[in-house]
N, C-alpha and C. Protein backbone atom coordinates (compact mmCIF):
# COMPACT_ATOMS: atom_id res chain seq x y z
N MET A 1 -36.42 -24.31 7.10
CA MET A 1 -35.89 -23.05 6.46
C MET A 1 -35.82 -23.09 5.22
N GLN A 2 -36.10 -21.52 5.02
CA GLN A 2 -36.45 -21.80 3.32
C GLN A 2 -34.68 -21.67 2.56
N ASN A 3 -34.86 -21.84 1.29
CA ASN A 3 -33.65 -21.99 0.39
C ASN A 3 -33.57 -20.55 0.21
N PHE A 4 -32.48 -20.13 0.38
CA PHE A 4 -32.63 -18.30 -0.57
C PHE A 4 -31.39 -18.43 -1.42
N ASP A 5 -32.03 -18.15 -2.87
CA ASP A 5 -31.40 -17.81 -4.31
C ASP A 5 -30.73 -16.48 -4.20
N LEU A 6 -29.24 -16.18 -4.16
CA LEU A 6 -29.17 -14.96 -4.53
C LEU A 6 -29.29 -14.05 -5.69
N ARG A 7 -29.15 -15.49 -6.53
CA ARG A 7 -29.34 -14.97 -8.43
C ARG A 7 -30.83 -14.88 -8.19
N GLN A 8 -31.42 -15.76 -8.15
CA GLN A 8 -32.68 -15.29 -8.37
C GLN A 8 -33.28 -13.92 -7.74
N ALA A 9 -33.00 -13.51 -6.07
CA ALA A 9 -33.21 -12.59 -5.54
C ALA A 9 -32.64 -11.34 -6.17
N ILE A 10 -31.13 -11.13 -7.47
CA ILE A 10 -30.76 -9.88 -7.73
C ILE A 10 -31.85 -9.64 -9.11
N ILE A 11 -31.68 -11.04 -9.68
CA ILE A 11 -32.60 -10.95 -10.97
C ILE A 11 -34.20 -10.49 -10.77
N GLN A 12 -34.83 -10.73 -10.13
CA GLN A 12 -36.01 -10.16 -9.47
C GLN A 12 -35.80 -8.94 -9.35
N ARG A 13 -34.98 -8.54 -8.53
CA ARG A 13 -35.14 -6.49 -8.28
C ARG A 13 -34.55 -5.72 -9.41
N VAL A 14 -34.42 -6.46 -10.52
CA VAL A 14 -34.08 -5.83 -12.02
C VAL A 14 -34.89 -6.33 -13.06
N GLN A 15 -35.74 -7.15 -12.65
CA GLN A 15 -36.29 -8.05 -13.86
C GLN A 15 -37.38 -6.70 -14.54
N GLU A 16 -37.65 -6.45 -13.69
CA GLU A 16 -38.77 -5.17 -14.11
C GLU A 16 -38.14 -3.69 -14.99
N SER A 17 -36.77 -3.44 -14.35
CA SER A 17 -36.52 -2.41 -14.47
C SER A 17 -36.14 -1.83 -16.15
N SER A 18 -36.42 -0.65 -16.74
CA SER A 18 -36.07 -0.16 -17.74
C SER A 18 -34.28 -0.01 -18.18
N ILE A 19 -33.95 0.31 -19.21
CA ILE A 19 -32.97 -0.01 -19.23
C ILE A 19 -32.64 1.50 -18.69
N THR A 20 -32.77 2.61 -18.90
CA THR A 20 -32.51 3.56 -18.20
C THR A 20 -32.13 3.31 -16.46
N GLU A 21 -32.80 2.32 -16.07
CA GLU A 21 -32.96 2.03 -14.69
C GLU A 21 -31.77 0.80 -14.24
N LEU A 22 -31.52 0.09 -15.68
CA LEU A 22 -30.51 -1.20 -15.23
C LEU A 22 -28.99 0.04 -14.98
N ASN A 23 -29.15 0.24 -16.56
CA ASN A 23 -27.84 1.72 -16.53
C ASN A 23 -27.11 1.92 -15.04
N GLU A 24 -28.46 2.72 -14.44
CA GLU A 24 -27.92 3.41 -13.43
C GLU A 24 -27.48 2.56 -12.05
N THR A 25 -28.80 1.31 -11.86
CA THR A 25 -27.80 0.41 -11.08
C THR A 25 -26.36 0.13 -11.55
N ILE A 26 -26.45 -0.31 -12.48
CA ILE A 26 -24.94 -0.46 -12.65
C ILE A 26 -24.15 0.80 -12.57
N THR A 27 -24.12 1.79 -13.07
CA THR A 27 -23.20 2.89 -12.94
C THR A 27 -22.85 3.00 -11.42
N ASP A 28 -23.92 2.87 -10.27
CA ASP A 28 -23.71 3.29 -9.05
C ASP A 28 -23.39 1.67 -8.41
N SER A 29 -23.55 1.15 -9.15
CA SER A 29 -23.02 -0.40 -8.65
C SER A 29 -21.37 -0.53 -8.27
N VAL A 30 -20.77 0.20 -9.74
CA VAL A 30 -19.47 0.40 -9.78
C VAL A 30 -18.69 1.42 -9.03
N ASP A 31 -17.44 0.81 -8.52
CA ASP A 31 -16.87 1.06 -6.98
C ASP A 31 -17.45 1.81 -5.82
N ALA A 32 -18.88 1.10 -6.09
CA ALA A 32 -19.71 1.25 -4.53
C ALA A 32 -19.02 0.14 -3.75
N ASP A 33 -19.93 0.47 -2.65
CA ASP A 33 -19.32 -0.58 -1.27
C ASP A 33 -19.17 -1.99 -1.82
N GLU A 34 -18.58 -2.71 -1.17
CA GLU A 34 -18.92 -4.47 -2.09
C GLU A 34 -19.71 -5.00 -1.75
N ARG A 35 -20.82 -4.66 -1.31
CA ARG A 35 -21.72 -5.47 -0.91
C ARG A 35 -22.42 -5.87 -2.43
N ALA A 36 -22.12 -4.74 -3.46
CA ALA A 36 -22.78 -4.18 -4.65
C ALA A 36 -22.06 -5.79 -5.78
N LEU A 37 -21.08 -6.35 -5.47
CA LEU A 37 -20.42 -6.91 -6.27
C LEU A 37 -21.07 -8.26 -6.64
N PRO A 38 -21.50 -9.03 -5.70
CA PRO A 38 -22.52 -9.89 -6.09
C PRO A 38 -23.64 -9.66 -7.04
N GLY A 39 -24.28 -8.70 -6.87
CA GLY A 39 -24.96 -8.40 -7.48
C GLY A 39 -24.54 -7.95 -9.38
N LEU A 40 -23.32 -7.01 -9.29
CA LEU A 40 -22.64 -7.40 -10.78
C LEU A 40 -22.59 -8.51 -11.55
N GLY A 41 -21.97 -9.55 -10.14
CA GLY A 41 -21.43 -10.66 -10.52
C GLY A 41 -22.46 -11.49 -11.48
N VAL A 42 -23.89 -11.16 -10.68
CA VAL A 42 -25.01 -12.06 -11.75
C VAL A 42 -25.42 -11.37 -13.10
N LEU A 43 -25.23 -10.07 -13.01
CA LEU A 43 -25.53 -9.16 -14.46
C LEU A 43 -24.92 -9.77 -15.12
N PHE A 44 -23.24 -9.68 -14.78
CA PHE A 44 -22.09 -10.00 -15.65
C PHE A 44 -22.63 -11.85 -16.40
N GLU A 45 -22.99 -12.51 -15.34
CA GLU A 45 -23.08 -13.78 -15.62
C GLU A 45 -24.01 -14.25 -16.46
N ILE A 46 -25.50 -13.53 -16.84
CA ILE A 46 -26.66 -13.22 -18.05
C ILE A 46 -25.97 -12.50 -18.85
N ILE A 47 -24.94 -11.44 -19.02
CA ILE A 47 -24.30 -11.18 -20.16
C ILE A 47 -23.79 -12.26 -20.50
N TRP A 48 -22.94 -12.97 -19.97
CA TRP A 48 -21.66 -13.57 -20.29
C TRP A 48 -22.48 -14.88 -21.37
N LYS A 49 -23.68 -15.39 -21.00
CA LYS A 49 -23.84 -16.07 -20.81
C LYS A 49 -24.97 -16.44 -22.51
N ASP A 50 -25.49 -15.23 -22.71
CA ASP A 50 -25.72 -14.37 -23.83
C ASP A 50 -24.82 -13.81 -24.96
N ALA A 51 -23.49 -13.74 -24.59
CA ALA A 51 -22.54 -13.38 -25.66
C ALA A 51 -22.34 -14.40 -26.63
N ASN A 52 -22.09 -14.04 -27.43
CA ASN A 52 -21.39 -14.86 -28.57
C ASN A 52 -19.89 -15.01 -28.45
N GLU A 53 -19.11 -15.90 -28.98
CA GLU A 53 -17.90 -16.08 -28.90
C GLU A 53 -17.04 -15.15 -29.24
N THR A 54 -17.46 -14.28 -29.98
CA THR A 54 -16.36 -12.95 -30.11
C THR A 54 -16.49 -12.25 -29.36
N LEU A 55 -17.76 -12.11 -28.78
CA LEU A 55 -17.87 -10.82 -27.76
C LEU A 55 -17.34 -11.53 -26.24
N GLN A 56 -17.60 -12.55 -26.27
CA GLN A 56 -16.97 -12.95 -25.30
C GLN A 56 -15.08 -12.97 -24.58
N THR A 57 -14.74 -13.30 -26.13
CA THR A 57 -13.24 -12.98 -26.43
C THR A 57 -12.90 -11.74 -26.23
N SER A 58 -13.74 -10.51 -26.72
CA SER A 58 -13.81 -9.39 -26.97
C SER A 58 -13.52 -8.69 -25.09
N MET A 59 -14.39 -9.42 -24.36
CA MET A 59 -14.32 -9.10 -22.73
C MET A 59 -13.52 -9.39 -22.19
N VAL A 60 -12.96 -10.87 -22.45
CA VAL A 60 -11.99 -11.36 -22.13
C VAL A 60 -10.32 -10.12 -22.19
N ASN A 61 -10.68 -10.10 -23.34
CA ASN A 61 -9.43 -9.10 -24.11
C ASN A 61 -9.25 -8.06 -23.39
N THR A 62 -10.34 -7.44 -22.76
CA THR A 62 -10.32 -6.10 -22.24
C THR A 62 -10.15 -5.98 -20.71
N LEU A 63 -10.62 -6.93 -20.12
CA LEU A 63 -9.98 -7.32 -18.66
C LEU A 63 -8.66 -7.88 -18.61
N PHE A 64 -8.14 -8.23 -19.18
CA PHE A 64 -6.91 -9.48 -19.46
C PHE A 64 -6.49 -7.66 -19.68
N GLU A 65 -6.35 -7.05 -20.79
CA GLU A 65 -5.73 -5.65 -20.95
C GLU A 65 -5.89 -4.67 -19.59
N HIS A 66 -6.40 -4.37 -18.84
CA HIS A 66 -7.12 -3.57 -17.62
C HIS A 66 -5.78 -4.57 -17.20
N LEU A 67 -5.96 -5.83 -16.60
CA LEU A 67 -5.38 -6.12 -15.60
C LEU A 67 -3.84 -6.32 -15.45
N GLN A 68 -3.42 -6.41 -17.19
CA GLN A 68 -2.04 -6.47 -17.28
C GLN A 68 -1.71 -4.84 -17.35
N SER A 69 -2.33 -4.17 -17.72
CA SER A 69 -2.09 -2.20 -17.02
C SER A 69 -1.72 -2.26 -15.99
N ASP A 70 -2.83 -2.85 -14.68
CA ASP A 70 -2.78 -2.40 -13.51
C ASP A 70 -1.53 -3.13 -13.19
N HIS A 71 -0.93 -4.33 -13.59
CA HIS A 71 -0.39 -4.77 -12.89
C HIS A 71 1.62 -3.83 -13.23
N ASN A 72 1.31 -3.96 -14.18
CA ASN A 72 2.14 -3.36 -15.08
C ASN A 72 2.87 -1.64 -14.22
N SER A 73 1.68 -1.14 -13.87
CA SER A 73 1.65 0.06 -13.77
C SER A 73 1.97 0.02 -11.97
N SER A 74 1.50 -1.48 -11.17
CA SER A 74 1.70 -0.84 -9.32
C SER A 74 3.33 -1.48 -9.40
N THR A 75 3.78 -2.64 -10.54
CA THR A 75 4.82 -2.67 -10.60
C THR A 75 6.56 -2.08 -11.00
N ALA A 76 6.18 -0.91 -11.88
CA ALA A 76 6.77 -0.41 -12.07
C ALA A 76 8.02 0.63 -11.71
N SER A 77 8.86 0.79 -12.30
CA SER A 77 9.87 1.57 -11.07
C SER A 77 9.48 2.60 -11.03
N PRO A 78 9.46 3.66 -9.91
CA PRO A 78 9.00 5.45 -9.70
C PRO A 78 9.90 5.93 -10.44
N SER A 79 9.04 6.98 -11.12
CA SER A 79 10.10 7.46 -11.94
C SER A 79 10.27 9.06 -11.09
N TYR A 80 11.74 9.86 -10.79
CA TYR A 80 11.81 10.63 -9.64
C TYR A 80 12.28 11.80 -11.11
């Protein structure tokens, strides 16, 4: 039985891509079928590992603010 490494398969699939192609891959994957989520996760992992602490903090803050905004808007009382 062959060992299947999803990370490596995703990296190999986009490794030869141009910047434009990478942008299209990400743009097409966002809000797409859930099957694209592992690929976006691998790409995010690469970004995260190469980001300095300041950029990581910025990404976490952006995510936190978005999640809080979504949470607050979904729990807010409806206005009539």
